[in-house]
Amino acid sequence: METTTGRRTEPAFRHASPADVPALVALVESAYRGDASRAGWTTEADLLEGQRTDAEGVAALVADAGSRLLVVERDGEPIACCHLEHRGDHVYFGMFAVRPEAQGGGLGKRVMAEAERTARAEWGATAMHMTVIRQRAELIAWYERRGYRRTGQMSPFPYGDERFGIPQRDDLEFELLVKDLAG
């Protein structure tokens, strides 16, 4: 939406509430699954079908006292989100989604910067951890340009658990990426 001066309003960051759950599920699904996700570059549609998340899972993240689900909205509508989970000296970063038509304009970089700031400010975290499907070379390269490093530490994809999607190949696994936040 444009203001009367012809400029888009700035995105606003806030913590999610239970009322946000349906919109956040739709946002995450639109960024990763199905034909709609192909409008952006973060799609996993060639690797996985089915759901990326569900209302029960998102509601649990919103309710978890050791987590923050950050929502980015413009004109009252969610356009991006990410989940932060406090894990001792580091924070796990996940469920990062930017609406496909908003990708490529720098919003993702702003979300990551706010996530890192939140991790330091709220929990004193010295590192951010995330896992990325190792076959997502372009996405891993994007994270590397933001200071994340590949560890070579792999974990298996949860085959057989359709809550995480229906794999379209049999070699999926996650790689741990880490960023030092102390600097």
Protein backbone atom coordinates (compact mmCIF):
# COMPACT_ATOMS: atom_id res chain seq x y z
CA MET A 1 0.00 0.00 0.00
CA GLU A 2 1.25 3.48 -0.80
CA THR A 3 0.88 6.54 1.33
CA THR A 4 -0.50 9.78 -0.08
CA THR A 5 3.09 10.78 -0.89
CA GLY A 6 3.44 7.72 -3.13
CA ARG A 7 5.86 5.83 -0.84
CA ARG A 8 5.25 2.51 0.85
CA THR A 9 5.01 2.58 4.62
CA GLU A 10 8.00 1.19 6.49
CA PRO A 11 7.75 -2.35 7.83
CA ALA A 12 7.17 -2.67 11.58
CA PHE A 13 8.69 -5.40 13.78
CA ARG A 14 6.84 -6.93 16.72
CA HIS A 15 6.43 -10.19 18.64
CA ALA A 16 3.70 -12.53 17.46
CA SER A 17 0.54 -13.15 19.44
CA PRO A 18 -1.85 -16.11 19.26
CA ALA A 19 -4.08 -14.07 16.94
CA ASP A 20 -1.26 -14.05 14.35
CA VAL A 21 -1.07 -17.84 13.97
CA PRO A 22 -3.31 -18.29 10.87
CA ALA A 23 -1.62 -15.45 8.97
CA LEU A 24 1.86 -16.72 9.87
CA VAL A 25 1.08 -20.27 8.72
CA ALA A 26 -0.13 -18.83 5.40
CA LEU A 27 2.98 -16.63 5.10
CA VAL A 28 5.40 -19.52 5.73
CA GLU A 29 3.55 -21.82 3.34
CA SER A 30 3.55 -19.14 0.61
CA ALA A 31 7.32 -18.65 0.91
CA TYR A 32 8.30 -22.33 0.73
CA ARG A 33 5.66 -24.59 -0.74
CA GLY A 34 3.46 -24.87 -3.78
CA ASP A 35 3.28 -22.87 -6.97
CA ALA A 36 2.85 -19.54 -5.14
CA SER A 37 6.31 -19.99 -3.59
CA ARG A 38 7.91 -20.08 -7.04
CA ALA A 39 7.39 -16.30 -7.30
CA GLY A 40 10.29 -15.95 -4.84
CA TRP A 41 13.70 -17.56 -4.69
CA THR A 42 13.31 -19.33 -1.32
CA THR A 43 10.95 -22.01 -2.60
CA GLU A 44 11.48 -25.62 -1.57
CA ALA A 45 8.77 -26.82 -3.97
CA ASP A 46 11.20 -28.94 -6.01
CA LEU A 47 12.50 -30.69 -2.86
CA LEU A 48 9.38 -31.02 -0.74
CA GLU A 49 5.62 -31.10 -1.18
CA GLY A 50 2.97 -30.88 1.50
CA GLN A 51 3.05 -28.52 4.43
CA ARG A 52 6.01 -26.56 5.84
CA THR A 53 4.31 -25.87 9.17
CA ASP A 54 0.87 -25.96 10.79
CA ALA A 55 -1.22 -23.92 13.20
CA GLU A 56 -0.44 -26.21 16.15
CA GLY A 57 3.32 -25.87 15.63
CA VAL A 58 3.21 -22.09 15.18
CA ALA A 59 0.95 -21.66 18.22
CA ALA A 60 3.43 -23.67 20.31
CA LEU A 61 6.26 -21.34 19.24
CA VAL A 62 4.21 -18.25 20.13
CA ALA A 63 3.44 -19.70 23.59
CA ASP A 64 7.01 -20.82 24.38
CA ALA A 65 8.59 -18.48 26.97
CA GLY A 66 12.08 -19.35 25.65
CA SER A 67 11.20 -18.26 22.13
CA ARG A 68 10.30 -15.18 20.15
CA LEU A 69 8.38 -15.29 16.93
CA LEU A 70 9.12 -11.99 15.23
CA VAL A 71 6.56 -10.64 12.78
CA VAL A 72 7.25 -7.97 10.21
CA GLU A 73 4.18 -6.22 8.93
CA ARG A 74 3.38 -3.46 6.54
CA ASP A 75 0.03 -1.73 6.73
CA GLY A 76 -1.15 -4.31 9.28
CA GLU A 77 -0.35 -7.32 7.08
CA PRO A 78 2.46 -9.83 7.86
CA ILE A 79 5.13 -9.79 5.14
CA ALA A 80 7.95 -11.63 6.96
CA CYS A 81 8.68 -13.60 10.12
CA CYS A 82 11.33 -15.61 11.93
CA HIS A 83 11.53 -17.75 15.04
CA LEU A 84 14.23 -17.35 17.70
CA GLU A 85 14.78 -19.98 20.39
CA HIS A 86 17.12 -19.35 23.31
CA ARG A 87 19.48 -22.30 23.79
CA GLY A 88 22.04 -21.28 26.39
CA ASP A 89 24.91 -19.34 24.82
CA HIS A 90 23.31 -19.32 21.37
CA VAL A 91 19.95 -18.69 19.75
CA TYR A 92 18.46 -20.98 17.12
CA PHE A 93 17.09 -19.09 14.10
CA GLY A 94 14.32 -20.73 12.12
CA MET A 95 10.98 -20.40 10.35
CA PHE A 96 12.39 -17.48 8.38
CA ALA A 97 9.93 -16.43 5.71
CA VAL A 98 9.48 -13.41 3.46
CA ARG A 99 6.40 -13.14 1.27
CA PRO A 100 7.53 -14.16 -2.24
CA GLU A 101 6.62 -10.86 -3.91
CA ALA A 102 8.61 -8.98 -1.21
CA GLN A 103 11.80 -11.01 -1.72
CA GLY A 104 14.88 -9.49 -3.31
CA GLY A 105 14.41 -5.99 -1.92
CA GLY A 106 16.50 -6.17 1.25
CA LEU A 107 13.72 -7.08 3.68
CA GLY A 108 15.33 -10.43 4.53
CA LYS A 109 18.57 -8.68 5.50
CA ARG A 110 16.61 -6.36 7.80
CA VAL A 111 14.81 -9.29 9.42
CA MET A 112 18.10 -11.09 10.06
CA ALA A 113 19.68 -7.96 11.54
CA GLU A 114 16.71 -7.52 13.91
CA ALA A 115 16.83 -11.22 14.84
CA GLU A 116 20.52 -10.95 15.70
CA ARG A 117 19.94 -7.73 17.67
CA THR A 118 17.09 -9.42 19.58
CA ALA A 119 19.24 -12.49 20.35
CA ARG A 120 21.96 -10.29 21.86
CA ALA A 121 19.62 -7.87 23.67
CA GLU A 122 17.12 -10.34 25.14
CA TRP A 123 19.37 -13.30 25.91
CA GLY A 124 22.97 -12.08 25.67
CA ALA A 125 23.58 -14.68 22.96
CA THR A 126 27.07 -14.89 21.51
CA ALA A 127 26.10 -16.97 18.47
CA MET A 128 23.21 -17.68 16.13
CA HIS A 129 22.65 -21.23 14.84
CA MET A 130 20.40 -22.46 12.05
CA THR A 131 19.97 -25.55 9.96
CA VAL A 132 19.44 -25.43 6.21
CA ILE A 133 18.72 -28.26 3.80
CA ARG A 134 22.20 -28.86 2.35
CA GLN A 135 20.83 -29.08 -1.19
CA ARG A 136 19.79 -25.39 -0.96
CA ALA A 137 23.13 -24.06 -2.28
CA GLU A 138 21.81 -20.62 -3.28
CA LEU A 139 20.21 -20.09 0.13
CA ILE A 140 23.33 -21.26 1.99
CA ALA A 141 25.43 -18.85 -0.10
CA TRP A 142 23.05 -16.01 0.87
CA TYR A 143 23.54 -16.84 4.55
CA GLU A 144 27.31 -17.04 4.08
CA ARG A 145 27.26 -13.51 2.65
CA ARG A 146 25.61 -12.47 5.91
CA GLY A 147 28.41 -13.90 8.05
CA TYR A 148 27.16 -17.44 8.66
CA ARG A 149 29.64 -20.26 8.22
CA ARG A 150 29.08 -23.84 7.21
CA THR A 151 30.09 -26.32 9.89
CA GLY A 152 29.87 -29.55 7.91
CA GLN A 153 27.74 -30.90 10.79
CA MET A 154 24.78 -32.70 9.24
CA SER A 155 21.52 -33.95 10.73
CA PRO A 156 18.94 -36.16 9.04
CA PHE A 157 15.75 -34.92 7.44
CA PRO A 158 12.71 -36.30 9.34
CA TYR A 159 11.56 -38.70 6.63
CA GLY A 160 8.14 -40.17 7.35
CA ASP A 161 6.93 -37.17 9.39
CA GLU A 162 4.64 -35.31 7.01
CA ARG A 163 4.43 -32.35 9.42
CA PHE A 164 7.71 -31.26 7.77
CA GLY A 165 6.69 -32.00 4.20
CA ILE A 166 6.80 -34.86 1.74
CA PRO A 167 10.33 -35.27 0.36
CA GLN A 168 10.72 -35.50 -3.41
CA ARG A 169 14.18 -37.10 -3.12
CA ASP A 170 15.88 -39.48 -0.71
CA ASP A 171 19.10 -37.61 0.09
CA LEU A 172 17.86 -34.58 2.05
CA GLU A 173 19.71 -33.56 5.20
CA PHE A 174 20.32 -30.41 7.19
CA GLU A 175 23.61 -28.60 7.68
CA LEU A 176 24.30 -26.48 10.74
CA LEU A 177 25.28 -22.87 9.98
CA VAL A 178 26.69 -20.64 12.72
CA LYS A 179 27.35 -16.92 13.11
CA ASP A 180 29.39 -15.31 15.89
CA LEU A 181 27.39 -12.47 17.45
CA ALA A 182 30.02 -11.43 19.99
CA GLY A 183 31.93 -9.21 17.54
